[in-house]
C-alpha atoms as a PDB file:
ATOM      1  CA  MET A   1      23.726  12.966  13.491  1.00  0.00           C
ATOM      2  CA  THR A   2      23.529  12.738   9.700  1.00  0.00           C
ATOM      3  CA  TYR A   3      20.264  12.343   7.797  1.00  0.00           C
ATOM      4  CA  GLU A   4      21.294   8.807   6.809  1.00  0.00           C
ATOM      5  CA  GLU A   5      21.781   7.870  10.487  1.00  0.00           C
ATOM      6  CA  GLN A   6      18.367   9.301  11.396  1.00  0.00           C
ATOM      7  CA  ALA A   7      16.751   7.330   8.553  1.00  0.00           C
ATOM      8  CA  ALA A   8      18.498   4.145   9.718  1.00  0.00           C
ATOM      9  CA  ILE A   9      17.083   4.584  13.240  1.00  0.00           C
ATOM     10  CA  GLN A  10      13.582   5.202  11.852  1.00  0.00           C
ATOM     11  CA  LEU A  11      13.968   2.056   9.749  1.00  0.00           C
ATOM     12  CA  GLN A  12      14.875  -0.011  12.826  1.00  0.00           C
ATOM     13  CA  PHE A  13      11.750   1.175  14.682  1.00  0.00           C
ATOM     14  CA  TRP A  14       9.617   0.391  11.638  1.00  0.00           C
ATOM     15  CA  GLN A  15      11.141  -3.077  11.248  1.00  0.00           C
ATOM     16  CA  HIS A  16      10.375  -3.841  14.879  1.00  0.00           C
ATOM     17  CA  LYS A  17       6.766  -2.698  14.354  1.00  0.00           C
ATOM     18  CA  MET A  18       6.364  -4.904  11.285  1.00  0.00           C
ATOM     19  CA  GLN A  19       7.560  -7.991  13.165  1.00  0.00           C
ATOM     20  CA  LYS A  20       5.468  -7.589  16.314  1.00  0.00           C
ATOM     21  CA  LYS A  21       3.256 -10.491  17.292  1.00  0.00           C
ATOM     22  CA  PRO A  22      -0.476  -9.833  16.869  1.00  0.00           C
ATOM     23  CA  SER A  23      -1.972  -8.377  20.049  1.00  0.00           C
ATOM     24  CA  LEU A  24      -5.128  -9.771  21.654  1.00  0.00           C
ATOM     25  CA  GLY A  25      -7.093  -6.934  20.022  1.00  0.00           C
ATOM     26  CA  ASP A  26      -5.543  -7.762  16.625  1.00  0.00           C
ATOM     27  CA  ARG A  27      -6.474 -11.426  16.966  1.00  0.00           C
ATOM     28  CA  ILE A  28     -10.042 -10.690  18.066  1.00  0.00           C
ATOM     29  CA  ALA A  29     -10.607  -8.224  15.204  1.00  0.00           C
ATOM     30  CA  LYS A  30      -9.115 -10.642  12.687  1.00  0.00           C
ATOM     31  CA  GLY A  31     -11.216 -13.512  14.047  1.00  0.00           C
ATOM     32  CA  LEU A  32     -14.435 -11.515  13.752  1.00  0.00           C
ATOM     33  CA  GLN A  33     -13.593 -10.435  10.222  1.00  0.00           C
ATOM     34  CA  ASP A  34     -12.793 -14.029   9.230  1.00  0.00           C
ATOM     35  CA  LYS A  35     -16.189 -15.147  10.555  1.00  0.00           C
ATOM     36  CA  ILE A  36     -17.900 -12.434   8.522  1.00  0.00           C
ATOM     37  CA  ASN A  37     -15.964 -13.541   5.430  1.00  0.00           C
ATOM     38  CA  ASP A  38     -17.104 -17.138   6.034  1.00  0.00           C
ATOM     39  CA  ILE A  39     -20.742 -15.996   6.023  1.00  0.00           C
ATOM     40  CA  ILE A  40     -20.387 -14.128   2.730  1.00  0.00           C
ATOM     41  CA  PRO A  41     -21.184 -16.457  -0.206  1.00  0.00           C
ATOM     42  CA  GLU A  42     -18.176 -17.681  -2.176  1.00  0.00           C
ATOM     43  CA  LYS A  43     -19.661 -16.234  -5.379  1.00  0.00           C
ATOM     44  CA  ILE A  44     -19.523 -12.728  -3.874  1.00  0.00           C
ATOM     45  CA  HIS A  45     -15.915 -13.221  -2.772  1.00  0.00           C
ATOM     46  CA  ALA A  46     -15.057 -14.402  -6.269  1.00  0.00           C
ATOM     47  CA  ALA A  47     -16.787 -11.412  -7.891  1.00  0.00           C
ATOM     48  CA  ILE A  48     -15.007  -8.928  -5.616  1.00  0.00           C
ATOM     49  CA  THR A  49     -11.669 -10.652  -6.219  1.00  0.00           C
ATOM     50  CA  VAL A  50     -12.068 -10.451 -10.008  1.00  0.00           C
ATOM     51  CA  ALA A  51     -13.159  -6.796  -9.819  1.00  0.00           C
ATOM     52  CA  ILE A  52     -10.198  -5.765  -7.670  1.00  0.00           C
ATOM     53  CA  GLU A  53      -7.791  -7.866  -9.715  1.00  0.00           C
ATOM     54  CA  LYS A  54      -8.856  -6.170 -12.956  1.00  0.00           C
ATOM     55  CA  MET A  55      -8.853  -2.726 -11.351  1.00  0.00           C
ATOM     56  CA  VAL A  56      -5.383  -3.116  -9.819  1.00  0.00           C
ATOM     57  CA  LYS A  57      -3.963  -4.653 -12.999  1.00  0.00           C
ATOM     58  CA  GLY A  58      -5.346  -1.753 -15.017  1.00  0.00           C
ATOM     59  CA  VAL A  59      -3.557   0.743 -12.796  1.00  0.00           C
ATOM     60  CA  LEU A  60      -0.489  -1.450 -12.351  1.00  0.00           C
ATOM     61  CA  PHE A  61       0.160  -1.850 -16.048  1.00  0.00           C
ATOM     62  CA  GLY A  62      -1.123   1.562 -17.075  1.00  0.00           C
ATOM     63  CA  ALA A  63       0.783   3.642 -14.539  1.00  0.00           C
ATOM     64  CA  GLN A  64       4.126   2.566 -15.973  1.00  0.00           C
ATOM     65  CA  HIS A  65       3.352   4.621 -19.060  1.00  0.00           C
ATOM     66  CA  THR A  66       2.790   7.789 -17.026  1.00  0.00           C
ATOM     67  CA  THR A  67       5.600   7.325 -14.510  1.00  0.00           C
ATOM     68  CA  SER A  68       8.976   8.951 -15.003  1.00  0.00           C
ATOM     69  CA  SER A  69      12.098   6.908 -15.598  1.00  0.00           C
ATOM     70  CA  PRO A  70      14.193   5.965 -12.558  1.00  0.00           C
ATOM     71  CA  LYS A  71      15.848   9.022 -11.036  1.00  0.00           C
ATOM     72  CA  ILE A  72      19.129   9.187  -9.210  1.00  0.00           C
ATOM     73  CA  GLU A  73      19.326  12.228  -6.950  1.00  0.00           C
ATOM     74  CA  ILE A  74      22.588  13.808  -5.820  1.00  0.00           C
ATOM     75  CA  SER A  75      22.136  12.426  -2.316  1.00  0.00           C
ATOM     76  CA  PHE A  76      19.941  10.043  -0.347  1.00  0.00           C
ATOM     77  CA  GLN A  77      18.570  12.992   1.609  1.00  0.00           C
ATOM     78  CA  MET A  78      17.483  14.807  -1.558  1.00  0.00           C
ATOM     79  CA  THR A  79      15.853  11.602  -2.811  1.00  0.00           C
ATOM     80  CA  GLU A  80      13.751  11.410   0.337  1.00  0.00           C
ATOM     81  CA  VAL A  81      12.872  15.102   0.173  1.00  0.00           C
ATOM     82  CA  SER A  82      11.405  14.416  -3.275  1.00  0.00           C
ATOM     83  CA  VAL A  83       9.620  11.297  -2.000  1.00  0.00           C
ATOM     84  CA  LYS A  84       8.078  13.163   0.947  1.00  0.00           C
ATOM     85  CA  ASN A  85       6.903  15.922  -1.394  1.00  0.00           C
ATOM     86  CA  ARG A  86       5.102  13.381  -3.589  1.00  0.00           C
ATOM     87  CA  ILE A  87       3.509  11.725  -0.543  1.00  0.00           C
ATOM     88  CA  ALA A  88       2.261  15.124   0.678  1.00  0.00           C
ATOM     89  CA  PHE A  89       0.836  15.867  -2.783  1.00  0.00           C
ATOM     90  CA  TYR A  90      -1.057  12.559  -2.919  1.00  0.00           C
ATOM     91  CA  GLN A  91      -2.283  13.011   0.653  1.00  0.00           C
ATOM     92  CA  LYS A  92      -3.889  16.308  -0.306  1.00  0.00           C
ATOM     93  CA  THR A  93      -5.303  14.853  -3.527  1.00  0.00           C
ATOM     94  CA  ALA A  94      -6.771  11.809  -1.752  1.00  0.00           C
ATOM     95  CA  SER A  95      -8.159  14.010   1.027  1.00  0.00           C
ATOM     96  CA  ILE A  96      -9.981  16.258  -1.438  1.00  0.00           C
ATOM     97  CA  GLU A  97     -11.263  13.253  -3.365  1.00  0.00           C
ATOM     98  CA  GLY A  98     -12.476  11.615  -0.137  1.00  0.00           C
ATOM     99  CA  ALA A  99     -14.281  14.774   0.939  1.00  0.00           C
ATOM    100  CA  VAL A 100     -16.025  15.141  -2.430  1.00  0.00           C
ATOM    101  CA  THR A 101     -17.148  11.504  -2.676  1.00  0.00           C
ATOM    102  CA  GLY A 102     -18.048  11.425   1.028  1.00  0.00           C
ATOM    103  CA  ALA A 103     -20.321  14.440   0.582  1.00  0.00           C
ATOM    104  CA  GLY A 104     -22.030  12.805  -2.405  1.00  0.00           C
ATOM    105  CA  GLY A 105     -23.846  10.105  -0.455  1.00  0.00           C
ATOM    106  CA  PHE A 106     -23.767   6.320  -0.616  1.00  0.00           C
ATOM    107  CA  LEU A 107     -23.061   5.795  -4.323  1.00  0.00           C
ATOM    108  CA  MET A 108     -20.384   8.472  -4.476  1.00  0.00           C
ATOM    109  CA  GLY A 109     -18.845   6.998  -1.336  1.00  0.00           C
ATOM    110  CA  LEU A 110     -18.580   3.627  -3.041  1.00  0.00           C
ATOM    111  CA  ALA A 111     -16.869   5.301  -6.008  1.00  0.00           C
ATOM    112  CA  ASP A 112     -14.074   6.392  -3.672  1.00  0.00           C
ATOM    113  CA  PHE A 113     -12.840   2.801  -3.331  1.00  0.00           C
ATOM    114  CA  PRO A 114     -11.375   2.323  -6.849  1.00  0.00           C
ATOM    115  CA  ILE A 115     -10.266   5.961  -7.114  1.00  0.00           C
ATOM    116  CA  LEU A 116      -8.263   5.696  -3.896  1.00  0.00           C
ATOM    117  CA  ILE A 117      -6.595   2.450  -4.983  1.00  0.00           C
ATOM    118  CA  ALA A 118      -5.550   4.116  -8.243  1.00  0.00           C
ATOM    119  CA  LEU A 119      -4.042   7.080  -6.384  1.00  0.00           C
ATOM    120  CA  LYS A 120      -2.163   4.818  -3.999  1.00  0.00           C
ATOM    121  CA  LEU A 121      -0.663   2.674  -6.735  1.00  0.00           C
ATOM    122  CA  LYS A 122       0.325   5.730  -8.772  1.00  0.00           C
ATOM    123  CA  LEU A 123       2.110   7.091  -5.694  1.00  0.00           C
ATOM    124  CA  LEU A 124       4.007   3.820  -5.289  1.00  0.00           C
ATOM    125  CA  PHE A 125       5.132   3.952  -8.919  1.00  0.00           C
ATOM    126  CA  GLU A 126       6.502   7.465  -8.410  1.00  0.00           C
ATOM    127  CA  ILE A 127       8.250   6.528  -5.157  1.00  0.00           C
ATOM    128  CA  ALA A 128       9.896   3.523  -6.830  1.00  0.00           C
ATOM    129  CA  ALA A 129      11.195   5.728  -9.655  1.00  0.00           C
ATOM    130  CA  LEU A 130      12.548   8.319  -7.206  1.00  0.00           C
ATOM    131  CA  TYR A 131      14.507   5.634  -5.369  1.00  0.00           C
ATOM    132  CA  GLY A 132      15.985   4.553  -8.704  1.00  0.00           C
ATOM    133  CA  TYR A 133      13.973   1.422  -9.447  1.00  0.00           C
ATOM    134  CA  ASP A 134      12.634   0.685 -12.938  1.00  0.00           C
ATOM    135  CA  VAL A 135       8.881   0.021 -12.802  1.00  0.00           C
ATOM    136  CA  ASP A 136       8.975  -1.365 -16.352  1.00  0.00           C
ATOM    137  CA  ASP A 137      10.445  -4.441 -14.672  1.00  0.00           C
ATOM    138  CA  TYR A 138       7.636  -6.886 -13.898  1.00  0.00           C
ATOM    139  CA  LYS A 139       9.242  -7.843 -10.589  1.00  0.00           C
ATOM    140  CA  GLU A 140       9.345  -4.220  -9.462  1.00  0.00           C
ATOM    141  CA  ARG A 141       5.621  -3.957 -10.135  1.00  0.00           C
ATOM    142  CA  LEU A 142       5.035  -7.046  -7.999  1.00  0.00           C
ATOM    143  CA  TYR A 143       7.205  -5.505  -5.277  1.00  0.00           C
ATOM    144  CA  ILE A 144       4.845  -2.530  -5.331  1.00  0.00           C
ATOM    145  CA  LEU A 145       1.910  -4.891  -4.708  1.00  0.00           C
ATOM    146  CA  TYR A 146       3.685  -6.394  -1.706  1.00  0.00           C
ATOM    147  CA  ILE A 147       4.334  -2.900  -0.299  1.00  0.00           C
ATOM    148  CA  PHE A 148       0.630  -2.183  -0.737  1.00  0.00           C
ATOM    149  CA  GLN A 149      -0.281  -5.428   1.019  1.00  0.00           C
ATOM    150  CA  LEU A 150       2.191  -4.777   3.842  1.00  0.00           C
ATOM    151  CA  ALA A 151       0.675  -1.351   4.500  1.00  0.00           C
ATOM    152  CA  PHE A 152      -2.921  -2.571   4.595  1.00  0.00           C
ATOM    153  CA  SER A 153      -3.000  -5.977   6.264  1.00  0.00           C
ATOM    154  CA  SER A 154      -3.726  -7.456   9.656  1.00  0.00           C
ATOM    155  CA  GLN A 155      -0.681  -7.790  11.928  1.00  0.00           C
ATOM    156  CA  GLN A 156      -0.659 -11.547  11.387  1.00  0.00           C
ATOM    157  CA  LYS A 157      -0.543 -11.172   7.597  1.00  0.00           C
ATOM    158  CA  ARG A 158       1.901  -8.280   7.945  1.00  0.00           C
ATOM    159  CA  ASN A 159       4.382 -10.610   9.654  1.00  0.00           C
ATOM    160  CA  GLU A 160       4.235 -12.934   6.634  1.00  0.00           C
ATOM    161  CA  VAL A 161       4.510 -10.221   3.979  1.00  0.00           C
ATOM    162  CA  TYR A 162       7.347  -8.472   5.807  1.00  0.00           C
ATOM    163  CA  LYS A 163       9.530 -11.591   5.493  1.00  0.00           C
ATOM    164  CA  ILE A 164       9.008 -11.533   1.723  1.00  0.00           C
ATOM    165  CA  VAL A 165       9.763  -7.818   1.405  1.00  0.00           C
ATOM    166  CA  ALA A 166      12.778  -8.004   3.754  1.00  0.00           C
ATOM    167  CA  ASP A 167      14.415 -10.728   1.637  1.00  0.00           C
ATOM    168  CA  TRP A 168      13.125  -9.529  -1.722  1.00  0.00           C
ATOM    169  CA  GLU A 169      16.274 -10.124  -3.781  1.00  0.00           C
ATOM    170  CA  ALA A 170      16.257 -13.827  -2.898  1.00  0.00           C
ATOM    171  CA  TYR A 171      12.470 -14.152  -3.102  1.00  0.00           C
ATOM    172  CA  SER A 172      12.193 -12.453  -6.500  1.00  0.00           C
ATOM    173  CA  VAL A 173      14.419 -15.087  -8.113  1.00  0.00           C
ATOM    174  CA  ALA A 174      11.662 -17.665  -7.660  1.00  0.00           C
ATOM    175  CA  LEU A 175       8.765 -15.391  -8.639  1.00  0.00           C
ATOM    176  CA  PRO A 176       6.169 -16.718 -11.085  1.00  0.00           C
ATOM    177  CA  GLU A 177       6.614 -15.613 -14.654  1.00  0.00           C
ATOM    178  CA  TYR A 178       3.159 -14.049 -14.874  1.00  0.00           C
ATOM    179  CA  VAL A 179       1.289 -11.676 -12.572  1.00  0.00           C
ATOM    180  CA  GLU A 180      -1.805 -13.926 -12.849  1.00  0.00           C
ATOM    181  CA  HIS A 181      -0.169 -16.216 -10.300  1.00  0.00           C
ATOM    182  CA  PHE A 182      -0.312 -13.520  -7.627  1.00  0.00           C
ATOM    183  CA  ASN A 183      -2.681 -14.369  -4.729  1.00  0.00           C
ATOM    184  CA  TRP A 184      -5.450 -11.892  -5.576  1.00  0.00           C
ATOM    185  CA  LEU A 185      -7.993 -13.392  -3.152  1.00  0.00           C
ATOM    186  CA  THR A 186      -5.776 -12.776  -0.126  1.00  0.00           C
ATOM    187  CA  PHE A 187      -4.803  -9.362  -1.452  1.00  0.00           C
ATOM    188  CA  GLN A 188      -8.386  -8.094  -1.785  1.00  0.00           C
ATOM    189  CA  GLN A 189      -9.614  -9.651   1.469  1.00  0.00           C
ATOM    190  CA  GLU A 190      -6.804  -8.215   3.589  1.00  0.00           C
ATOM    191  CA  TYR A 191      -7.144  -4.764   2.032  1.00  0.00           C
ATOM    192  CA  ARG A 192     -10.924  -4.736   2.294  1.00  0.00           C
ATOM    193  CA  ASP A 193     -10.903  -6.027   5.881  1.00  0.00           C
ATOM    194  CA  TYR A 194      -8.280  -3.498   6.948  1.00  0.00           C
ATOM    195  CA  ILE A 195     -10.082  -0.386   5.698  1.00  0.00           C
ATOM    196  CA  ASP A 196     -13.713  -1.531   6.071  1.00  0.00           C
ATOM    197  CA  LEU A 197     -14.452   0.044   9.453  1.00  0.00           C
ATOM    198  CA  ALA A 198     -12.741   3.321   8.660  1.00  0.00           C
ATOM    199  CA  LYS A 199     -14.311   3.691   5.233  1.00  0.00           C
ATOM    200  CA  MET A 200     -17.852   2.608   6.162  1.00  0.00           C
ATOM    201  CA  ALA A 201     -18.385   5.848   8.091  1.00  0.00           C
ATOM    202  CA  GLN A 202     -17.673   7.726   4.868  1.00  0.00           C
ATOM    203  CA  LEU A 203     -20.978   6.420   3.493  1.00  0.00           C
ATOM    204  CA  LEU A 204     -22.973   8.075   6.274  1.00  0.00           C
ATOM    205  CA  PRO A 205     -24.761  11.379   5.602  1.00  0.00           C
ATOM    206  CA  VAL A 206     -23.483  14.631   7.142  1.00  0.00           C
ATOM    207  CA  ILE A 207     -20.181  13.213   8.449  1.00  0.00           C
ATOM    208  CA  GLY A 208     -19.184  11.402   5.232  1.00  0.00           C
ATOM    209  CA  ALA A 209     -17.186  14.287   3.773  1.00  0.00           C
ATOM    210  CA  ALA A 210     -15.120  14.862   6.924  1.00  0.00           C
ATOM    211  CA  VAL A 211     -14.499  11.154   7.407  1.00  0.00           C
ATOM    212  CA  GLY A 212     -13.502  10.686   3.770  1.00  0.00           C
ATOM    213  CA  ALA A 213     -11.012  13.539   3.901  1.00  0.00           C
ATOM    214  CA  ILE A 214      -9.374  12.436   7.151  1.00  0.00           C
ATOM    215  CA  VAL A 215      -9.276   8.691   6.461  1.00  0.00           C
ATOM    216  CA  ASN A 216      -7.868   9.071   2.950  1.00  0.00           C
ATOM    217  CA  TYR A 217      -5.205  11.488   4.211  1.00  0.00           C
ATOM    218  CA  LYS A 218      -4.084   9.014   6.888  1.00  0.00           C
ATOM    219  CA  LEU A 219      -4.199   5.965   4.604  1.00  0.00           C
ATOM    220  CA  VAL A 220      -1.933   7.620   2.038  1.00  0.00           C
ATOM    221  CA  ALA A 221       0.441   8.752   4.805  1.00  0.00           C
ATOM    222  CA  GLN A 222       0.625   5.161   6.074  1.00  0.00           C
ATOM    223  CA  LEU A 223       1.307   3.829   2.589  1.00  0.00           C
ATOM    224  CA  GLY A 224       3.996   6.446   2.002  1.00  0.00           C
ATOM    225  CA  ASP A 225       5.754   5.607   5.270  1.00  0.00           C
ATOM    226  CA  THR A 226       5.646   1.883   4.466  1.00  0.00           C
ATOM    227  CA  ALA A 227       7.059   2.442   0.972  1.00  0.00           C
ATOM    228  CA  MET A 228       9.884   4.666   2.209  1.00  0.00           C
ATOM    229  CA  ASN A 229      11.003   2.094   4.752  1.00  0.00           C
ATOM    230  CA  CYS A 230      10.734  -0.774   2.272  1.00  0.00           C
ATOM    231  CA  TYR A 231      13.061   1.004  -0.153  1.00  0.00           C
ATOM    232  CA  ARG A 232      15.361   2.129   2.672  1.00  0.00           C
ATOM    233  CA  MET A 233      15.663  -1.524   3.639  1.00  0.00           C
ATOM    234  CA  ARG A 234      16.503  -2.581   0.079  1.00  0.00           C
ATOM    235  CA  LEU A 235      19.107   0.140  -0.306  1.00  0.00           C
ATOM    236  CA  GLN A 236      20.629  -0.721   3.075  1.00  0.00           C
ATOM    237  CA  ARG A 237      20.923  -4.395   2.146  1.00  0.00           C
ATOM    238  CA  LYS A 238      22.449  -3.450  -1.207  1.00  0.00           C
ATOM    239  CA  GLN A 239      25.086  -1.327   0.534  1.00  0.00           C
ATOM    240  CA  LEU A 240      25.922  -4.153   2.964  1.00  0.00           C
ATOM    241  CA  LYS A 241      26.467  -6.531   0.044  1.00  0.00           C
ATOM    242  CA  ASN A 242      28.742  -4.027  -1.676  1.00  0.00           C
END
């Protein structure tokens, strides 16, 4: 079996996972989180949304200046070797960062949140370039945001975002002209809700460093796997059209 055939099988399993119906546990967890969000004052939601929007935009539009131009490797297999190497590098970096901030107590633990987002988005920029996509293109930067959202959402929201990512070429034609029209409220709520339980333990004394290291390592691995399969899907669809 060739590497391309193995990747195609992995993609099929991933696609099935992305389209699963929310389980009872998923629905209960989502329902509880929605109730908590309803209790939180709207002003706080608005403040968090603006903060995350500015933070993500800063990375999103700054990373393009530090990301290499699109690269075309000799083969698909070599492309993915390079991608996996970058994922492994960012996993180690995020793990070290999580351990350091986790060991620093509550305030340092809170500082991990924006640092981790920056690392994740930078990784996505590098993965896009390795697969041959130009991140100077505004639509490619939005695609990166949808990959991010797909990786860190409830199963219900994941079903919705997957449909957009799976039919990106058609969807991107009707995209808004400006990134300000992106749904930042949903983006920040889904991301925050998804990682809340895992990251809260990082703020606890004694175990914070270990939790930060492990959780960050796994979150970056999950993002990397999502990104690889999203770009595999795009390349596969491109080949079918040709």
